[in-house]
């Protein structure tokens, strides 16, 4: 099984997040999805070093204030396991530039759920919105469909599989 470490950051400005609509990269697993900014660790990088490098590369901005919010474990039927280190940022320097991976846009938080998102992203976006303390979220996908989720080691009910929970909606 392949294991990947990555960072993902949601830059916050008032009631908005900076979102990346992934449309430009060839063979992109996230093609056409809206996500935060981030990417895979380079050898020897810490989660924070990856965060700072990826944000600078994808946005042109140098983060000056950020918070480590949680770790998301993605398991998929394609034999890949990803540990995604989730951050939010509230201050930065520099001028925003275009990303070579898609279009960057400031989106009102209340409008996020109308975008094309991964179903599991809806769960951790709500956790961020609620100000949840540092969390561990496990998301299991089969054929790009969320089949199970657990928050801090406890199973979450998924929409259409019993009582709806934080992850309501489809991506």
N, C-alpha and C. Protein backbone atom coordinates (compact mmCIF):
# COMPACT_ATOMS: atom_id res chain seq x y z
N UNK A 1 0.84 -1.18 0.00
CA UNK A 1 0.00 0.00 0.00
C UNK A 1 0.89 1.25 0.00
N UNK A 2 0.59 2.18 -0.87
CA UNK A 2 1.30 3.44 -0.94
C UNK A 2 0.76 4.39 0.12
N UNK A 3 1.67 5.07 0.84
CA UNK A 3 1.26 6.04 1.86
C UNK A 3 1.81 7.41 1.46
N UNK A 4 0.92 8.39 1.45
CA UNK A 4 1.26 9.76 1.06
C UNK A 4 0.98 10.68 2.25
N UNK A 5 1.85 11.65 2.49
CA UNK A 5 1.59 12.73 3.43
C UNK A 5 1.39 14.00 2.63
N UNK A 6 0.39 14.79 3.01
CA UNK A 6 0.12 16.04 2.32
C UNK A 6 -0.36 17.08 3.32
N UNK A 7 -0.37 18.32 2.87
CA UNK A 7 -0.95 19.41 3.66
C UNK A 7 -2.11 20.00 2.85
N UNK A 8 -3.07 20.57 3.57
CA UNK A 8 -4.17 21.29 2.93
C UNK A 8 -4.50 22.47 3.83
N UNK A 9 -4.65 23.64 3.22
CA UNK A 9 -4.90 24.85 3.99
C UNK A 9 -6.07 25.63 3.42
N UNK A 10 -6.88 26.15 4.32
CA UNK A 10 -7.96 27.06 3.96
C UNK A 10 -7.60 28.44 4.49
N UNK A 11 -7.25 29.35 3.57
CA UNK A 11 -6.94 30.72 3.96
C UNK A 11 -8.27 31.43 4.21
N UNK A 12 -8.39 32.07 5.37
CA UNK A 12 -9.63 32.72 5.78
C UNK A 12 -9.50 34.24 5.68
N UNK A 13 -10.50 34.85 5.05
CA UNK A 13 -10.57 36.31 4.96
C UNK A 13 -12.03 36.69 5.24
N UNK A 14 -12.26 37.20 6.46
CA UNK A 14 -13.64 37.51 6.83
C UNK A 14 -14.46 36.24 6.80
N UNK A 15 -15.54 36.23 6.08
CA UNK A 15 -16.41 35.07 5.98
C UNK A 15 -16.13 34.24 4.74
N UNK A 16 -14.89 34.30 4.22
CA UNK A 16 -14.56 33.59 2.99
C UNK A 16 -13.34 32.70 3.17
N UNK A 17 -13.25 31.68 2.31
CA UNK A 17 -12.05 30.84 2.19
C UNK A 17 -11.51 31.02 0.78
N UNK A 18 -10.19 30.95 0.65
CA UNK A 18 -9.58 30.90 -0.68
C UNK A 18 -9.65 29.45 -1.14
N UNK A 19 -10.34 29.23 -2.23
CA UNK A 19 -10.55 27.88 -2.76
C UNK A 19 -9.88 27.75 -4.12
N UNK A 20 -9.45 26.52 -4.42
CA UNK A 20 -8.82 26.22 -5.69
C UNK A 20 -9.72 25.26 -6.46
N UNK A 21 -10.18 25.71 -7.63
CA UNK A 21 -10.97 24.85 -8.51
C UNK A 21 -9.98 24.11 -9.41
N UNK A 22 -9.78 22.82 -9.16
CA UNK A 22 -8.73 22.04 -9.81
C UNK A 22 -9.15 21.69 -11.24
N UNK A 23 -8.63 22.43 -12.21
CA UNK A 23 -9.03 22.23 -13.60
C UNK A 23 -7.86 22.10 -14.57
N UNK A 24 -6.63 22.41 -14.16
CA UNK A 24 -5.54 22.53 -15.12
C UNK A 24 -4.57 21.36 -15.18
N UNK A 25 -4.46 20.59 -14.12
CA UNK A 25 -3.43 19.56 -14.03
C UNK A 25 -3.88 18.26 -14.71
N UNK A 26 -3.04 17.73 -15.58
CA UNK A 26 -3.31 16.48 -16.30
C UNK A 26 -3.39 15.31 -15.32
N UNK A 27 -4.41 14.45 -15.45
CA UNK A 27 -4.54 13.25 -14.63
C UNK A 27 -4.77 13.54 -13.14
N UNK A 28 -5.35 14.66 -12.82
CA UNK A 28 -5.54 15.10 -11.44
C UNK A 28 -6.67 14.32 -10.77
N UNK A 29 -6.37 13.65 -9.66
CA UNK A 29 -7.38 12.94 -8.88
C UNK A 29 -8.50 13.89 -8.43
N UNK A 30 -8.14 15.15 -8.21
CA UNK A 30 -9.10 16.16 -7.74
C UNK A 30 -9.72 16.98 -8.88
N UNK A 31 -9.58 16.52 -10.12
CA UNK A 31 -10.07 17.29 -11.26
C UNK A 31 -11.53 17.70 -11.07
N UNK A 32 -11.78 18.97 -11.29
CA UNK A 32 -13.10 19.61 -11.22
C UNK A 32 -13.63 19.79 -9.80
N UNK A 33 -12.87 19.40 -8.79
CA UNK A 33 -13.28 19.60 -7.40
C UNK A 33 -12.75 20.95 -6.91
N UNK A 34 -13.42 21.50 -5.92
CA UNK A 34 -12.98 22.69 -5.22
C UNK A 34 -12.35 22.23 -3.91
N UNK A 35 -11.10 22.66 -3.67
CA UNK A 35 -10.39 22.28 -2.45
C UNK A 35 -9.61 23.49 -1.95
N UNK A 36 -8.99 23.34 -0.78
CA UNK A 36 -8.06 24.36 -0.29
C UNK A 36 -6.76 24.24 -1.06
N UNK A 37 -5.72 24.93 -0.60
CA UNK A 37 -4.42 24.85 -1.27
C UNK A 37 -3.49 23.95 -0.47
N UNK A 38 -2.65 23.23 -1.19
CA UNK A 38 -1.72 22.33 -0.52
C UNK A 38 -1.17 21.32 -1.48
N UNK A 39 -0.52 20.31 -0.93
CA UNK A 39 0.06 19.27 -1.77
C UNK A 39 0.88 18.30 -0.96
N UNK A 40 1.62 17.47 -1.68
CA UNK A 40 2.38 16.37 -1.07
C UNK A 40 3.68 16.88 -0.44
N UNK A 41 4.06 16.20 0.63
CA UNK A 41 5.33 16.47 1.30
C UNK A 41 6.48 16.16 0.35
N UNK A 42 7.54 16.95 0.46
CA UNK A 42 8.82 16.60 -0.14
C UNK A 42 9.62 15.87 0.93
N UNK A 43 10.62 15.08 0.53
CA UNK A 43 11.40 14.32 1.53
C UNK A 43 11.94 15.22 2.65
N UNK A 44 11.72 14.77 3.90
CA UNK A 44 12.23 15.47 5.06
C UNK A 44 11.41 16.65 5.54
N UNK A 45 10.32 17.00 4.85
CA UNK A 45 9.50 18.14 5.26
C UNK A 45 8.60 17.80 6.45
N UNK A 46 8.40 18.77 7.30
CA UNK A 46 7.40 18.67 8.36
C UNK A 46 6.07 19.14 7.78
N UNK A 47 4.95 18.89 8.48
CA UNK A 47 3.66 19.38 7.99
C UNK A 47 3.67 20.89 7.76
N UNK A 48 4.29 21.65 8.66
CA UNK A 48 4.32 23.11 8.54
C UNK A 48 5.19 23.56 7.36
N UNK A 49 6.32 22.89 7.14
CA UNK A 49 7.17 23.25 6.01
C UNK A 49 6.45 22.99 4.69
N UNK A 50 5.74 21.87 4.61
CA UNK A 50 4.96 21.56 3.40
C UNK A 50 3.87 22.62 3.21
N UNK A 51 3.17 22.95 4.28
CA UNK A 51 2.12 23.97 4.23
C UNK A 51 2.65 25.27 3.65
N UNK A 52 3.75 25.77 4.20
CA UNK A 52 4.30 27.06 3.78
C UNK A 52 4.76 27.03 2.33
N UNK A 53 5.45 25.95 1.94
CA UNK A 53 5.94 25.83 0.56
C UNK A 53 4.79 25.75 -0.43
N UNK A 54 3.83 24.86 -0.14
CA UNK A 54 2.70 24.67 -1.07
C UNK A 54 1.85 25.94 -1.21
N UNK A 55 1.59 26.63 -0.10
CA UNK A 55 0.80 27.86 -0.18
C UNK A 55 1.52 28.91 -1.02
N UNK A 56 2.82 29.00 -0.83
CA UNK A 56 3.61 29.98 -1.60
C UNK A 56 3.58 29.61 -3.09
N UNK A 57 3.79 28.31 -3.40
CA UNK A 57 3.81 27.88 -4.80
C UNK A 57 2.45 28.08 -5.48
N UNK A 58 1.37 27.73 -4.78
CA UNK A 58 0.05 27.76 -5.42
C UNK A 58 -0.63 29.12 -5.41
N UNK A 59 -0.23 30.00 -4.48
CA UNK A 59 -0.93 31.30 -4.37
C UNK A 59 -0.02 32.51 -4.49
N UNK A 60 1.28 32.34 -4.26
CA UNK A 60 2.19 33.47 -4.21
C UNK A 60 2.24 34.13 -2.84
N UNK A 61 1.43 33.65 -1.91
CA UNK A 61 1.34 34.27 -0.58
C UNK A 61 2.25 33.55 0.42
N UNK A 62 2.85 34.34 1.32
CA UNK A 62 3.68 33.80 2.39
C UNK A 62 2.89 33.88 3.69
N UNK A 63 2.49 32.72 4.21
CA UNK A 63 1.68 32.69 5.42
C UNK A 63 2.47 33.22 6.61
N UNK A 64 1.79 34.02 7.45
CA UNK A 64 2.42 34.54 8.66
C UNK A 64 1.66 34.11 9.92
N UNK A 65 0.43 33.63 9.76
CA UNK A 65 -0.36 33.13 10.88
C UNK A 65 -1.21 31.96 10.43
N UNK A 66 -1.01 30.80 11.06
CA UNK A 66 -1.76 29.61 10.68
C UNK A 66 -1.99 28.77 11.92
N UNK A 67 -2.91 27.81 11.76
CA UNK A 67 -3.25 26.90 12.87
C UNK A 67 -3.42 25.49 12.32
N UNK A 68 -2.78 24.53 12.97
CA UNK A 68 -2.89 23.11 12.63
C UNK A 68 -4.21 22.63 13.22
N UNK A 69 -5.15 22.19 12.37
CA UNK A 69 -6.51 21.89 12.81
C UNK A 69 -6.80 20.41 12.99
N UNK A 70 -6.12 19.56 12.23
CA UNK A 70 -6.41 18.14 12.35
C UNK A 70 -5.66 17.33 11.32
N UNK A 71 -5.84 16.03 11.44
CA UNK A 71 -5.26 15.11 10.46
C UNK A 71 -6.40 14.28 9.89
N UNK A 72 -6.41 14.17 8.58
CA UNK A 72 -7.44 13.41 7.88
C UNK A 72 -6.76 12.22 7.20
N UNK A 73 -7.23 11.02 7.53
CA UNK A 73 -6.71 9.80 6.93
C UNK A 73 -7.67 9.39 5.81
N UNK A 74 -7.15 9.38 4.59
CA UNK A 74 -7.95 8.93 3.44
C UNK A 74 -7.50 7.52 3.07
N UNK A 75 -8.47 6.63 2.97
CA UNK A 75 -8.20 5.27 2.52
C UNK A 75 -9.06 5.06 1.29
N UNK A 76 -8.47 4.49 0.26
CA UNK A 76 -9.24 4.28 -0.97
C UNK A 76 -8.98 2.90 -1.52
N UNK A 77 -9.90 2.44 -2.34
CA UNK A 77 -9.79 1.11 -2.92
C UNK A 77 -8.69 1.02 -3.98
N UNK A 78 -8.03 2.13 -4.29
CA UNK A 78 -6.94 2.07 -5.26
C UNK A 78 -5.58 1.86 -4.58
N UNK A 79 -5.59 1.36 -3.34
CA UNK A 79 -4.39 1.01 -2.57
C UNK A 79 -3.54 2.20 -2.18
N UNK A 80 -4.16 3.37 -2.05
CA UNK A 80 -3.44 4.55 -1.59
C UNK A 80 -4.02 4.98 -0.26
N UNK A 81 -3.13 5.29 0.68
CA UNK A 81 -3.53 5.85 1.97
C UNK A 81 -2.85 7.21 2.08
N UNK A 82 -3.63 8.22 2.40
CA UNK A 82 -3.08 9.57 2.51
C UNK A 82 -3.35 10.13 3.89
N UNK A 83 -2.31 10.68 4.51
CA UNK A 83 -2.44 11.42 5.75
C UNK A 83 -2.37 12.89 5.38
N UNK A 84 -3.51 13.57 5.45
CA UNK A 84 -3.57 14.97 5.08
C UNK A 84 -3.59 15.81 6.35
N UNK A 85 -2.61 16.70 6.46
CA UNK A 85 -2.48 17.58 7.61
C UNK A 85 -3.24 18.87 7.27
N UNK A 86 -4.29 19.14 8.04
CA UNK A 86 -5.25 20.21 7.73
C UNK A 86 -4.95 21.46 8.53
N UNK A 87 -4.89 22.60 7.83
CA UNK A 87 -4.59 23.89 8.45
C UNK A 87 -5.60 24.94 8.02
N UNK A 88 -5.70 26.00 8.82
CA UNK A 88 -6.33 27.24 8.40
C UNK A 88 -5.31 28.34 8.60
N UNK A 89 -5.41 29.40 7.82
CA UNK A 89 -4.48 30.53 7.93
C UNK A 89 -5.30 31.82 7.93
N UNK A 90 -4.86 32.78 8.73
CA UNK A 90 -5.59 34.05 8.85
C UNK A 90 -4.74 35.27 8.51
N UNK A 91 -3.45 35.09 8.24
CA UNK A 91 -2.61 36.23 7.86
C UNK A 91 -1.52 35.77 6.91
N UNK A 92 -1.15 36.65 5.99
CA UNK A 92 -0.15 36.36 4.97
C UNK A 92 0.39 37.65 4.41
N UNK A 93 1.46 37.53 3.64
CA UNK A 93 2.09 38.67 2.97
C UNK A 93 2.24 38.32 1.50
N UNK A 94 2.37 39.37 0.68
CA UNK A 94 2.62 39.16 -0.74
C UNK A 94 1.38 39.38 -1.58
N UNK A 95 1.56 39.18 -2.86
CA UNK A 95 0.49 39.36 -3.84
C UNK A 95 0.05 37.99 -4.36
N UNK A 96 -1.25 37.77 -4.36
CA UNK A 96 -1.79 36.51 -4.87
C UNK A 96 -1.56 36.43 -6.38
N UNK A 97 -1.13 35.27 -6.85
CA UNK A 97 -0.97 35.05 -8.29
C UNK A 97 -1.82 33.87 -8.72
N UNK A 98 -1.90 33.65 -10.02
CA UNK A 98 -2.66 32.51 -10.56
C UNK A 98 -1.95 31.21 -10.22
N UNK A 99 -2.74 30.16 -10.07
CA UNK A 99 -2.19 28.83 -9.80
C UNK A 99 -2.10 28.04 -11.09
N UNK A 100 -1.05 27.22 -11.21
CA UNK A 100 -0.93 26.37 -12.39
C UNK A 100 -1.75 25.09 -12.25
N UNK A 101 -2.51 24.97 -11.15
CA UNK A 101 -3.35 23.78 -10.94
C UNK A 101 -4.83 24.05 -11.12
N UNK A 102 -5.22 25.32 -11.22
CA UNK A 102 -6.63 25.66 -11.39
C UNK A 102 -6.87 27.12 -11.08
N UNK A 103 -8.14 27.46 -10.90
CA UNK A 103 -8.53 28.84 -10.63
C UNK A 103 -8.71 29.06 -9.13
N UNK A 104 -8.08 30.10 -8.60
CA UNK A 104 -8.25 30.49 -7.20
C UNK A 104 -9.42 31.47 -7.10
N UNK A 105 -10.25 31.30 -6.08
CA UNK A 105 -11.37 32.21 -5.88
C UNK A 105 -11.71 32.30 -4.39
N UNK A 106 -12.04 33.50 -3.95
CA UNK A 106 -12.51 33.69 -2.58
C UNK A 106 -14.00 33.36 -2.57
N UNK A 107 -14.38 32.38 -1.76
CA UNK A 107 -15.76 31.89 -1.72
C UNK A 107 -16.32 32.09 -0.31
N UNK A 108 -17.52 32.65 -0.23
CA UNK A 108 -18.18 32.79 1.07
C UNK A 108 -18.38 31.40 1.66
N UNK A 109 -18.07 31.27 2.96
CA UNK A 109 -18.17 29.97 3.63
C UNK A 109 -19.57 29.38 3.49
N UNK A 110 -20.59 30.20 3.55
CA UNK A 110 -21.96 29.69 3.46
C UNK A 110 -22.29 29.14 2.07
N UNK A 111 -21.48 29.48 1.06
CA UNK A 111 -21.71 29.00 -0.31
C UNK A 111 -20.86 27.78 -0.66
N UNK A 112 -19.97 27.37 0.24
CA UNK A 112 -19.06 26.26 -0.06
C UNK A 112 -19.79 24.98 -0.44
N UNK A 113 -20.88 24.69 0.25
CA UNK A 113 -21.54 23.40 0.08
C UNK A 113 -22.29 23.28 -1.25
N UNK A 114 -22.40 24.38 -1.98
CA UNK A 114 -23.00 24.35 -3.31
C UNK A 114 -21.94 24.00 -4.38
N UNK A 115 -20.67 24.00 -3.99
CA UNK A 115 -19.59 23.69 -4.93
C UNK A 115 -19.42 22.18 -5.10
N UNK A 116 -18.69 21.79 -6.11
CA UNK A 116 -18.35 20.38 -6.32
C UNK A 116 -17.20 20.04 -5.39
N UNK A 117 -17.53 19.37 -4.28
CA UNK A 117 -16.57 19.00 -3.25
C UNK A 117 -16.55 17.48 -3.10
N UNK A 118 -15.45 16.96 -2.57
CA UNK A 118 -15.46 15.57 -2.14
C UNK A 118 -16.43 15.48 -0.97
N UNK A 119 -17.15 14.38 -0.88
CA UNK A 119 -18.14 14.22 0.19
C UNK A 119 -17.50 14.32 1.57
N UNK A 120 -16.33 13.75 1.75
CA UNK A 120 -15.64 13.81 3.04
C UNK A 120 -15.19 15.22 3.40
N UNK A 121 -14.88 16.05 2.38
CA UNK A 121 -14.47 17.44 2.65
C UNK A 121 -15.59 18.19 3.36
N UNK A 122 -16.83 17.84 3.07
CA UNK A 122 -17.97 18.49 3.72
C UNK A 122 -17.94 18.25 5.23
N UNK A 123 -17.43 17.08 5.62
CA UNK A 123 -17.36 16.76 7.05
C UNK A 123 -16.31 17.65 7.72
N UNK A 124 -15.09 17.69 7.17
CA UNK A 124 -14.07 18.49 7.87
C UNK A 124 -14.29 19.99 7.71
N UNK A 125 -14.93 20.43 6.65
CA UNK A 125 -15.27 21.86 6.55
C UNK A 125 -16.24 22.27 7.65
N UNK A 126 -17.19 21.39 7.97
CA UNK A 126 -18.12 21.70 9.08
C UNK A 126 -17.38 21.71 10.42
N UNK A 127 -16.42 20.80 10.58
CA UNK A 127 -15.62 20.79 11.81
C UNK A 127 -14.85 22.11 11.95
N UNK A 128 -14.28 22.60 10.85
CA UNK A 128 -13.59 23.88 10.88
C UNK A 128 -14.55 25.00 11.24
N UNK A 129 -15.72 24.98 10.60
CA UNK A 129 -16.75 26.00 10.83
C UNK A 129 -17.19 26.03 12.29
N UNK A 130 -17.29 24.85 12.91
CA UNK A 130 -17.74 24.74 14.29
C UNK A 130 -16.63 25.05 15.30
N UNK A 131 -15.40 25.24 14.81
CA UNK A 131 -14.28 25.52 15.71
C UNK A 131 -13.86 24.30 16.52
N UNK A 132 -14.03 23.11 15.96
CA UNK A 132 -13.69 21.87 16.66
C UNK A 132 -12.22 21.90 17.08
N UNK A 133 -11.92 21.33 18.26
CA UNK A 133 -10.51 21.21 18.65
C UNK A 133 -9.80 20.25 17.70
N UNK A 134 -8.48 20.17 17.80
CA UNK A 134 -7.69 19.30 16.92
C UNK A 134 -8.38 17.93 16.82
N UNK A 135 -8.54 17.44 15.60
CA UNK A 135 -9.28 16.19 15.40
C UNK A 135 -8.55 15.25 14.46
N UNK A 136 -8.96 13.98 14.54
CA UNK A 136 -8.52 12.94 13.62
C UNK A 136 -9.77 12.43 12.92
N UNK A 137 -9.77 12.53 11.60
CA UNK A 137 -10.91 12.10 10.80
C UNK A 137 -10.44 11.06 9.81
N UNK A 138 -11.11 9.91 9.77
CA UNK A 138 -10.79 8.86 8.80
C UNK A 138 -11.92 8.79 7.79
N UNK A 139 -11.55 8.85 6.50
CA UNK A 139 -12.52 8.79 5.41
C UNK A 139 -12.14 7.63 4.50
N UNK A 140 -13.08 6.74 4.23
CA UNK A 140 -12.83 5.59 3.37
C UNK A 140 -13.67 5.74 2.10
N UNK A 141 -12.99 5.68 0.97
CA UNK A 141 -13.66 5.82 -0.33
C UNK A 141 -13.57 4.52 -1.12
N UNK A 142 -14.66 4.19 -1.80
CA UNK A 142 -14.71 3.09 -2.75
C UNK A 142 -15.24 3.67 -4.05
N UNK A 143 -14.42 3.56 -5.11
CA UNK A 143 -14.80 4.12 -6.42
C UNK A 143 -15.25 5.57 -6.29
N UNK A 144 -14.46 6.39 -5.62
CA UNK A 144 -14.70 7.82 -5.43
C UNK A 144 -15.96 8.15 -4.64
N UNK A 145 -16.51 7.17 -3.92
CA UNK A 145 -17.70 7.39 -3.11
C UNK A 145 -17.34 7.14 -1.65
N UNK A 146 -17.71 8.07 -0.77
CA UNK A 146 -17.42 7.91 0.64
C UNK A 146 -18.27 6.76 1.19
N UNK A 147 -17.58 5.74 1.75
CA UNK A 147 -18.30 4.57 2.26
C UNK A 147 -18.27 4.46 3.78
N UNK A 148 -17.32 5.13 4.43
CA UNK A 148 -17.33 5.18 5.89
C UNK A 148 -16.50 6.36 6.37
N UNK A 149 -16.83 6.82 7.58
CA UNK A 149 -16.11 7.93 8.18
C UNK A 149 -16.08 7.73 9.69
N UNK A 150 -14.98 8.15 10.31
CA UNK A 150 -14.85 8.07 11.76
C UNK A 150 -14.17 9.34 12.25
N UNK A 151 -14.72 9.92 13.29
CA UNK A 151 -14.17 11.13 13.91
C UNK A 151 -13.61 10.75 15.27
N UNK A 152 -12.31 10.98 15.47
CA UNK A 152 -11.64 10.65 16.72
C UNK A 152 -11.92 9.21 17.14
N UNK A 153 -11.90 8.30 16.14
CA UNK A 153 -12.06 6.87 16.41
C UNK A 153 -13.49 6.39 16.53
N UNK A 154 -14.47 7.27 16.36
CA UNK A 154 -15.88 6.88 16.46
C UNK A 154 -16.57 7.03 15.12
N UNK A 155 -17.28 5.98 14.71
CA UNK A 155 -17.95 5.97 13.41
C UNK A 155 -18.98 7.09 13.33
N UNK A 156 -19.05 7.69 12.14
CA UNK A 156 -20.07 8.69 11.84
C UNK A 156 -21.09 8.07 10.90
N UNK A 157 -22.35 8.36 11.12
CA UNK A 157 -23.38 7.92 10.17
C UNK A 157 -23.24 8.78 8.92
N UNK A 158 -23.39 8.15 7.76
CA UNK A 158 -23.32 8.87 6.49
C UNK A 158 -24.72 9.10 5.96
N UNK A 159 -24.91 10.16 5.18
CA UNK A 159 -26.22 10.40 4.56
C UNK A 159 -26.67 9.18 3.77
N UNK A 160 -27.91 8.82 3.92
CA UNK A 160 -28.45 7.67 3.20
C UNK A 160 -28.11 6.35 3.88
N UNK A 161 -27.36 6.40 5.00
CA UNK A 161 -26.99 5.17 5.72
C UNK A 161 -27.33 5.37 7.19
N UNK A 162 -28.57 5.59 7.49
CA UNK A 162 -28.97 5.87 8.86
C UNK A 162 -29.12 7.37 9.03
N UNK A 163 -28.98 7.83 10.24
CA UNK A 163 -29.17 9.25 10.53
C UNK A 163 -28.07 10.07 9.85
N UNK A 164 -28.43 11.19 9.25
CA UNK A 164 -27.47 12.08 8.62
C UNK A 164 -26.60 12.74 9.68
N UNK A 165 -25.36 13.06 9.30
CA UNK A 165 -24.45 13.74 10.22
C UNK A 165 -23.83 14.92 9.52
N UNK A 166 -22.70 15.29 9.99
CA UNK A 166 -21.98 16.46 9.49
C UNK A 166 -21.73 16.40 7.98
N UNK A 167 -21.64 15.22 7.40
CA UNK A 167 -21.24 15.09 6.00
C UNK A 167 -22.40 15.11 5.03
N UNK A 168 -23.51 15.73 5.39
CA UNK A 168 -24.66 15.69 4.50
C UNK A 168 -24.37 16.43 3.20
N UNK A 169 -24.92 15.91 2.15
CA UNK A 169 -24.71 16.47 0.82
C UNK A 169 -23.86 15.51 0.02
N UNK A 170 -23.76 15.76 -1.27
CA UNK A 170 -22.90 14.90 -2.08
C UNK A 170 -21.99 15.76 -2.90
N UNK A 171 -20.80 15.21 -3.15
CA UNK A 171 -19.76 15.98 -3.83
C UNK A 171 -19.56 15.51 -5.14
